[in-house]
Amino acid sequence: MPSRHVPLIVVASAASALADAVASQLRRAGNVVYVTHSADGCLRVACSVGPDVVLLDPALADIRRYERLIKAHPMCTGTQVLHLSEATARTQWRLPRAPAPRAPAPAATAGPHAA
């Protein structure tokens, strides 16, 4: 999985209103979010992009199977899979950003009288 400075999150829920509300909160917090509306769609996206986090709606069919499939895929070795719930506090949706890369130090230059 490539190193990112902004977390990439996949939200999977058949309930469009729930998925969109969660995605909106995560985007306002500065995350990049993909929304899927099925477990199959979530699996395809997760295995394609290797997200940092996958949020699965427990109402989706056979959620444990999809969780295992996501975790087993080579693109998702570092992916954290979490379950959405209405009891989830908003603060839990904020993910830490990776530190920004440091700019290279300016090259030393010789003065005008250097030999």
N, C-alpha and C. Protein backbone atom coordinates (compact mmCIF):
# COMPACT_ATOMS: atom_id res chain seq x y z
N MET A 1 0.84 -1.16 0.00
CA MET A 1 0.00 0.00 0.00
C MET A 1 0.89 1.23 0.00
N PRO A 2 0.58 2.21 -0.86
CA PRO A 2 1.41 3.40 -0.92
C PRO A 2 1.29 4.24 0.33
N SER A 3 2.32 5.00 0.62
CA SER A 3 2.30 5.90 1.76
C SER A 3 1.44 7.11 1.40
N ARG A 4 0.49 7.44 2.28
CA ARG A 4 -0.42 8.56 2.03
C ARG A 4 -0.28 9.60 3.12
N HIS A 5 -0.63 10.82 2.78
CA HIS A 5 -0.64 11.89 3.76
C HIS A 5 -2.04 12.15 4.26
N VAL A 6 -3.04 11.67 3.53
CA VAL A 6 -4.45 11.80 3.92
C VAL A 6 -5.04 10.39 3.91
N PRO A 7 -5.71 10.00 4.99
CA PRO A 7 -6.29 8.65 5.01
C PRO A 7 -7.32 8.43 3.90
N LEU A 8 -7.29 7.25 3.31
CA LEU A 8 -8.25 6.83 2.30
C LEU A 8 -9.21 5.85 2.97
N ILE A 9 -10.49 6.16 2.92
CA ILE A 9 -11.50 5.39 3.63
C ILE A 9 -12.57 4.93 2.65
N VAL A 10 -12.98 3.67 2.75
CA VAL A 10 -14.09 3.14 1.98
C VAL A 10 -15.25 2.92 2.95
N VAL A 11 -16.41 3.49 2.62
CA VAL A 11 -17.62 3.32 3.42
C VAL A 11 -18.58 2.46 2.64
N ALA A 12 -19.06 1.38 3.26
CA ALA A 12 -19.98 0.46 2.58
C ALA A 12 -21.28 0.37 3.36
N SER A 13 -22.38 0.80 2.73
CA SER A 13 -23.70 0.69 3.33
C SER A 13 -24.74 0.71 2.24
N ALA A 14 -25.73 -0.17 2.34
CA ALA A 14 -26.83 -0.18 1.39
C ALA A 14 -27.74 1.01 1.63
N ALA A 15 -27.69 1.59 2.82
CA ALA A 15 -28.49 2.77 3.16
C ALA A 15 -27.73 4.02 2.68
N SER A 16 -28.17 4.57 1.57
CA SER A 16 -27.47 5.72 0.98
C SER A 16 -27.35 6.88 1.94
N ALA A 17 -28.39 7.16 2.71
CA ALA A 17 -28.36 8.30 3.63
C ALA A 17 -27.27 8.11 4.68
N LEU A 18 -27.15 6.91 5.22
CA LEU A 18 -26.12 6.63 6.22
C LEU A 18 -24.73 6.76 5.62
N ALA A 19 -24.52 6.13 4.47
CA ALA A 19 -23.20 6.18 3.82
C ALA A 19 -22.81 7.61 3.48
N ASP A 20 -23.75 8.38 2.96
CA ASP A 20 -23.44 9.76 2.58
C ASP A 20 -23.17 10.63 3.80
N ALA A 21 -23.91 10.41 4.89
CA ALA A 21 -23.69 11.19 6.11
C ALA A 21 -22.31 10.90 6.70
N VAL A 22 -21.95 9.64 6.73
CA VAL A 22 -20.63 9.26 7.25
C VAL A 22 -19.54 9.82 6.37
N ALA A 23 -19.70 9.67 5.06
CA ALA A 23 -18.70 10.17 4.12
C ALA A 23 -18.54 11.69 4.24
N SER A 24 -19.63 12.38 4.41
CA SER A 24 -19.58 13.84 4.55
C SER A 24 -18.79 14.24 5.79
N GLN A 25 -19.02 13.57 6.90
CA GLN A 25 -18.27 13.87 8.14
C GLN A 25 -16.79 13.60 7.95
N LEU A 26 -16.48 12.48 7.32
CA LEU A 26 -15.08 12.12 7.12
C LEU A 26 -14.38 13.09 6.17
N ARG A 27 -15.08 13.53 5.13
CA ARG A 27 -14.49 14.49 4.19
C ARG A 27 -14.24 15.83 4.86
N ARG A 28 -15.18 16.26 5.70
CA ARG A 28 -14.99 17.54 6.42
C ARG A 28 -13.77 17.46 7.34
N ALA A 29 -13.45 16.26 7.80
CA ALA A 29 -12.28 16.08 8.66
C ALA A 29 -11.00 15.96 7.83
N GLY A 30 -11.11 16.04 6.50
CA GLY A 30 -9.93 16.04 5.65
C GLY A 30 -9.54 14.70 5.06
N ASN A 31 -10.42 13.70 5.13
CA ASN A 31 -10.12 12.38 4.58
C ASN A 31 -10.61 12.27 3.15
N VAL A 32 -10.04 11.33 2.41
CA VAL A 32 -10.52 10.97 1.09
C VAL A 32 -11.43 9.76 1.29
N VAL A 33 -12.67 9.84 0.76
CA VAL A 33 -13.67 8.80 1.04
C VAL A 33 -14.30 8.30 -0.25
N TYR A 34 -14.40 6.97 -0.38
CA TYR A 34 -15.17 6.33 -1.44
C TYR A 34 -16.38 5.70 -0.78
N VAL A 35 -17.55 5.87 -1.39
CA VAL A 35 -18.78 5.27 -0.87
C VAL A 35 -19.19 4.14 -1.80
N THR A 36 -19.50 3.00 -1.21
CA THR A 36 -20.04 1.87 -1.97
C THR A 36 -21.37 1.48 -1.33
N HIS A 37 -22.24 0.87 -2.12
CA HIS A 37 -23.58 0.55 -1.63
C HIS A 37 -23.86 -0.95 -1.59
N SER A 38 -22.79 -1.74 -1.64
CA SER A 38 -22.94 -3.19 -1.51
C SER A 38 -21.63 -3.78 -1.00
N ALA A 39 -21.71 -4.96 -0.46
CA ALA A 39 -20.51 -5.64 0.03
C ALA A 39 -19.60 -6.01 -1.15
N ASP A 40 -20.20 -6.42 -2.26
CA ASP A 40 -19.40 -6.75 -3.45
C ASP A 40 -18.65 -5.51 -3.96
N GLY A 41 -19.36 -4.39 -4.03
CA GLY A 41 -18.73 -3.15 -4.47
C GLY A 41 -17.60 -2.73 -3.55
N CYS A 42 -17.83 -2.89 -2.26
CA CYS A 42 -16.80 -2.55 -1.27
C CYS A 42 -15.56 -3.42 -1.47
N LEU A 43 -15.76 -4.70 -1.67
CA LEU A 43 -14.64 -5.62 -1.89
C LEU A 43 -13.85 -5.22 -3.13
N ARG A 44 -14.55 -4.90 -4.22
CA ARG A 44 -13.87 -4.51 -5.46
C ARG A 44 -13.05 -3.23 -5.27
N VAL A 45 -13.65 -2.23 -4.64
CA VAL A 45 -12.95 -0.97 -4.44
C VAL A 45 -11.76 -1.16 -3.49
N ALA A 46 -11.99 -1.84 -2.37
CA ALA A 46 -10.92 -2.03 -1.39
C ALA A 46 -9.73 -2.77 -2.00
N CYS A 47 -9.99 -3.80 -2.78
CA CYS A 47 -8.90 -4.56 -3.38
C CYS A 47 -8.22 -3.80 -4.51
N SER A 48 -8.87 -2.79 -5.03
CA SER A 48 -8.27 -1.97 -6.09
C SER A 48 -7.40 -0.85 -5.55
N VAL A 49 -7.85 -0.21 -4.46
CA VAL A 49 -7.16 0.99 -3.99
C VAL A 49 -6.36 0.78 -2.71
N GLY A 50 -6.58 -0.31 -1.98
CA GLY A 50 -5.84 -0.55 -0.74
C GLY A 50 -6.06 0.55 0.28
N PRO A 51 -7.30 0.73 0.76
CA PRO A 51 -7.59 1.84 1.68
C PRO A 51 -6.93 1.66 3.04
N ASP A 52 -6.88 2.76 3.79
CA ASP A 52 -6.38 2.69 5.16
C ASP A 52 -7.44 2.11 6.08
N VAL A 53 -8.71 2.44 5.80
CA VAL A 53 -9.83 1.99 6.63
C VAL A 53 -11.01 1.62 5.74
N VAL A 54 -11.71 0.55 6.12
CA VAL A 54 -12.98 0.18 5.50
C VAL A 54 -14.02 0.20 6.61
N LEU A 55 -15.11 0.95 6.39
CA LEU A 55 -16.22 0.98 7.34
C LEU A 55 -17.38 0.20 6.73
N LEU A 56 -17.72 -0.93 7.35
CA LEU A 56 -18.78 -1.81 6.84
C LEU A 56 -20.04 -1.65 7.67
N ASP A 57 -21.16 -1.52 7.00
CA ASP A 57 -22.47 -1.48 7.67
C ASP A 57 -22.84 -2.92 8.06
N PRO A 58 -23.11 -3.18 9.34
CA PRO A 58 -23.47 -4.53 9.75
C PRO A 58 -24.74 -5.05 9.09
N ALA A 59 -25.54 -4.15 8.50
CA ALA A 59 -26.77 -4.58 7.82
C ALA A 59 -26.49 -5.25 6.48
N LEU A 60 -25.28 -5.12 5.97
CA LEU A 60 -24.93 -5.79 4.71
C LEU A 60 -24.88 -7.30 4.93
N ALA A 61 -25.26 -8.04 3.90
CA ALA A 61 -25.28 -9.51 4.00
C ALA A 61 -23.87 -10.08 4.11
N ASP A 62 -23.72 -11.07 4.96
CA ASP A 62 -22.48 -11.85 5.09
C ASP A 62 -21.25 -10.99 5.34
N ILE A 63 -21.39 -10.04 6.25
CA ILE A 63 -20.34 -9.05 6.51
C ILE A 63 -19.03 -9.68 6.98
N ARG A 64 -19.10 -10.73 7.78
CA ARG A 64 -17.87 -11.37 8.29
C ARG A 64 -17.06 -11.98 7.15
N ARG A 65 -17.74 -12.55 6.17
CA ARG A 65 -17.05 -13.14 5.02
C ARG A 65 -16.30 -12.05 4.25
N TYR A 66 -16.97 -10.93 4.01
CA TYR A 66 -16.33 -9.84 3.27
C TYR A 66 -15.17 -9.24 4.06
N GLU A 67 -15.33 -9.17 5.35
CA GLU A 67 -14.23 -8.69 6.20
C GLU A 67 -13.00 -9.58 6.04
N ARG A 68 -13.21 -10.89 6.06
CA ARG A 68 -12.09 -11.83 5.88
C ARG A 68 -11.46 -11.69 4.50
N LEU A 69 -12.31 -11.55 3.47
CA LEU A 69 -11.79 -11.42 2.10
C LEU A 69 -10.97 -10.14 1.93
N ILE A 70 -11.44 -9.05 2.52
CA ILE A 70 -10.70 -7.79 2.43
C ILE A 70 -9.35 -7.93 3.12
N LYS A 71 -9.35 -8.47 4.32
CA LYS A 71 -8.10 -8.59 5.08
C LYS A 71 -7.12 -9.56 4.42
N ALA A 72 -7.63 -10.52 3.66
CA ALA A 72 -6.76 -11.51 3.03
C ALA A 72 -6.12 -11.01 1.74
N HIS A 73 -6.64 -9.95 1.16
CA HIS A 73 -6.11 -9.47 -0.12
C HIS A 73 -4.79 -8.73 0.08
N PRO A 74 -3.81 -8.97 -0.79
CA PRO A 74 -2.50 -8.32 -0.65
C PRO A 74 -2.53 -6.79 -0.64
N MET A 75 -3.48 -6.18 -1.36
CA MET A 75 -3.58 -4.72 -1.36
C MET A 75 -4.10 -4.17 -0.02
N CYS A 76 -4.67 -5.03 0.80
CA CYS A 76 -5.33 -4.58 2.03
C CYS A 76 -4.64 -5.08 3.30
N THR A 77 -3.36 -5.41 3.20
CA THR A 77 -2.68 -5.96 4.38
C THR A 77 -2.65 -5.00 5.55
N GLY A 78 -2.60 -3.71 5.29
CA GLY A 78 -2.58 -2.73 6.37
C GLY A 78 -3.92 -2.07 6.62
N THR A 79 -4.97 -2.56 5.97
CA THR A 79 -6.29 -1.96 6.09
C THR A 79 -6.97 -2.34 7.40
N GLN A 80 -7.53 -1.34 8.05
CA GLN A 80 -8.30 -1.58 9.27
C GLN A 80 -9.77 -1.67 8.86
N VAL A 81 -10.45 -2.76 9.25
CA VAL A 81 -11.86 -2.93 8.92
C VAL A 81 -12.67 -2.71 10.18
N LEU A 82 -13.59 -1.75 10.10
CA LEU A 82 -14.45 -1.40 11.24
C LEU A 82 -15.91 -1.53 10.83
N HIS A 83 -16.77 -1.67 11.83
CA HIS A 83 -18.20 -1.78 11.56
C HIS A 83 -18.90 -0.48 11.95
N LEU A 84 -19.77 -0.02 11.07
CA LEU A 84 -20.57 1.16 11.37
C LEU A 84 -21.64 0.80 12.40
N SER A 85 -21.95 1.75 13.24
CA SER A 85 -23.09 1.57 14.13
C SER A 85 -23.62 2.95 14.46
N GLU A 86 -24.88 3.02 14.79
CA GLU A 86 -25.46 4.31 15.12
C GLU A 86 -24.90 4.84 16.43
N ALA A 87 -24.31 3.98 17.23
CA ALA A 87 -23.75 4.40 18.50
C ALA A 87 -22.34 4.96 18.36
N THR A 88 -21.78 4.88 17.15
CA THR A 88 -20.42 5.37 16.93
C THR A 88 -20.38 6.87 17.11
N ALA A 89 -19.52 7.32 17.97
CA ALA A 89 -19.39 8.76 18.20
C ALA A 89 -18.68 9.42 17.04
N ARG A 90 -19.04 10.65 16.76
CA ARG A 90 -18.44 11.37 15.65
C ARG A 90 -16.93 11.49 15.79
N THR A 91 -16.44 11.61 17.01
CA THR A 91 -15.00 11.76 17.19
C THR A 91 -14.24 10.52 16.74
N GLN A 92 -14.89 9.38 16.70
CA GLN A 92 -14.21 8.16 16.27
C GLN A 92 -13.99 8.15 14.76
N TRP A 93 -14.60 9.07 14.04
CA TRP A 93 -14.50 9.09 12.59
C TRP A 93 -13.31 9.92 12.14
N ARG A 94 -12.66 10.59 13.07
CA ARG A 94 -11.51 11.39 12.70
C ARG A 94 -10.26 10.54 12.78
N LEU A 95 -9.57 10.47 11.69
CA LEU A 95 -8.37 9.66 11.62
C LEU A 95 -7.16 10.57 11.56
N PRO A 96 -6.07 10.18 12.19
CA PRO A 96 -4.89 11.04 12.17
C PRO A 96 -4.29 11.10 10.77
N ARG A 97 -3.82 12.27 10.43
CA ARG A 97 -3.13 12.44 9.15
C ARG A 97 -1.69 12.02 9.31
N ALA A 98 -1.13 11.52 8.24
CA ALA A 98 0.29 11.18 8.24
C ALA A 98 1.08 12.49 8.19
N PRO A 99 2.27 12.50 8.76
CA PRO A 99 3.07 13.74 8.71
C PRO A 99 3.42 14.08 7.26
N ALA A 100 3.42 15.37 6.98
CA ALA A 100 3.76 15.83 5.63
C ALA A 100 5.25 15.59 5.38
N PRO A 101 5.61 15.30 4.15
CA PRO A 101 7.03 15.08 3.85
C PRO A 101 7.80 16.38 4.05
N ARG A 102 9.00 16.24 4.52
CA ARG A 102 9.85 17.42 4.71
C ARG A 102 10.45 17.84 3.38
N ALA A 103 10.55 19.14 3.20
CA ALA A 103 11.18 19.66 1.99
C ALA A 103 12.68 19.42 2.10
N PRO A 104 13.34 19.09 1.00
CA PRO A 104 14.79 18.88 1.05
C PRO A 104 15.50 20.17 1.45
N ALA A 105 16.58 20.03 2.18
CA ALA A 105 17.37 21.19 2.60
C ALA A 105 17.98 21.84 1.38
N PRO A 106 18.04 23.16 1.37
CA PRO A 106 18.66 23.82 0.21
C PRO A 106 20.12 23.43 0.09
N ALA A 107 20.56 23.31 -1.14
CA ALA A 107 21.95 22.93 -1.39
C ALA A 107 22.87 24.07 -0.99
N ALA A 108 23.99 23.71 -0.40
CA ALA A 108 24.97 24.73 0.00
C ALA A 108 25.58 25.33 -1.26
N THR A 109 25.69 26.63 -1.25
CA THR A 109 26.31 27.28 -2.40
C THR A 109 27.55 28.02 -1.95
N ALA A 110 28.50 28.06 -2.81
CA ALA A 110 29.76 28.75 -2.50
C ALA A 110 29.55 30.25 -2.69
N GLY A 111 30.25 31.02 -1.90
CA GLY A 111 30.17 32.47 -2.02
C GLY A 111 30.82 32.94 -3.31
N PRO A 112 30.72 34.22 -3.61
CA PRO A 112 31.26 34.74 -4.86
C PRO A 112 32.79 34.69 -4.92
N HIS A 113 33.46 34.56 -3.76
CA HIS A 113 34.93 34.57 -3.76
C HIS A 113 35.52 33.17 -3.52
N ALA A 114 34.70 32.13 -3.64
CA ALA A 114 35.17 30.76 -3.40
C ALA A 114 36.11 30.33 -4.53
N ALA A 115 37.10 29.56 -4.21
CA ALA A 115 38.07 29.12 -5.20
C ALA A 115 37.67 27.82 -5.79
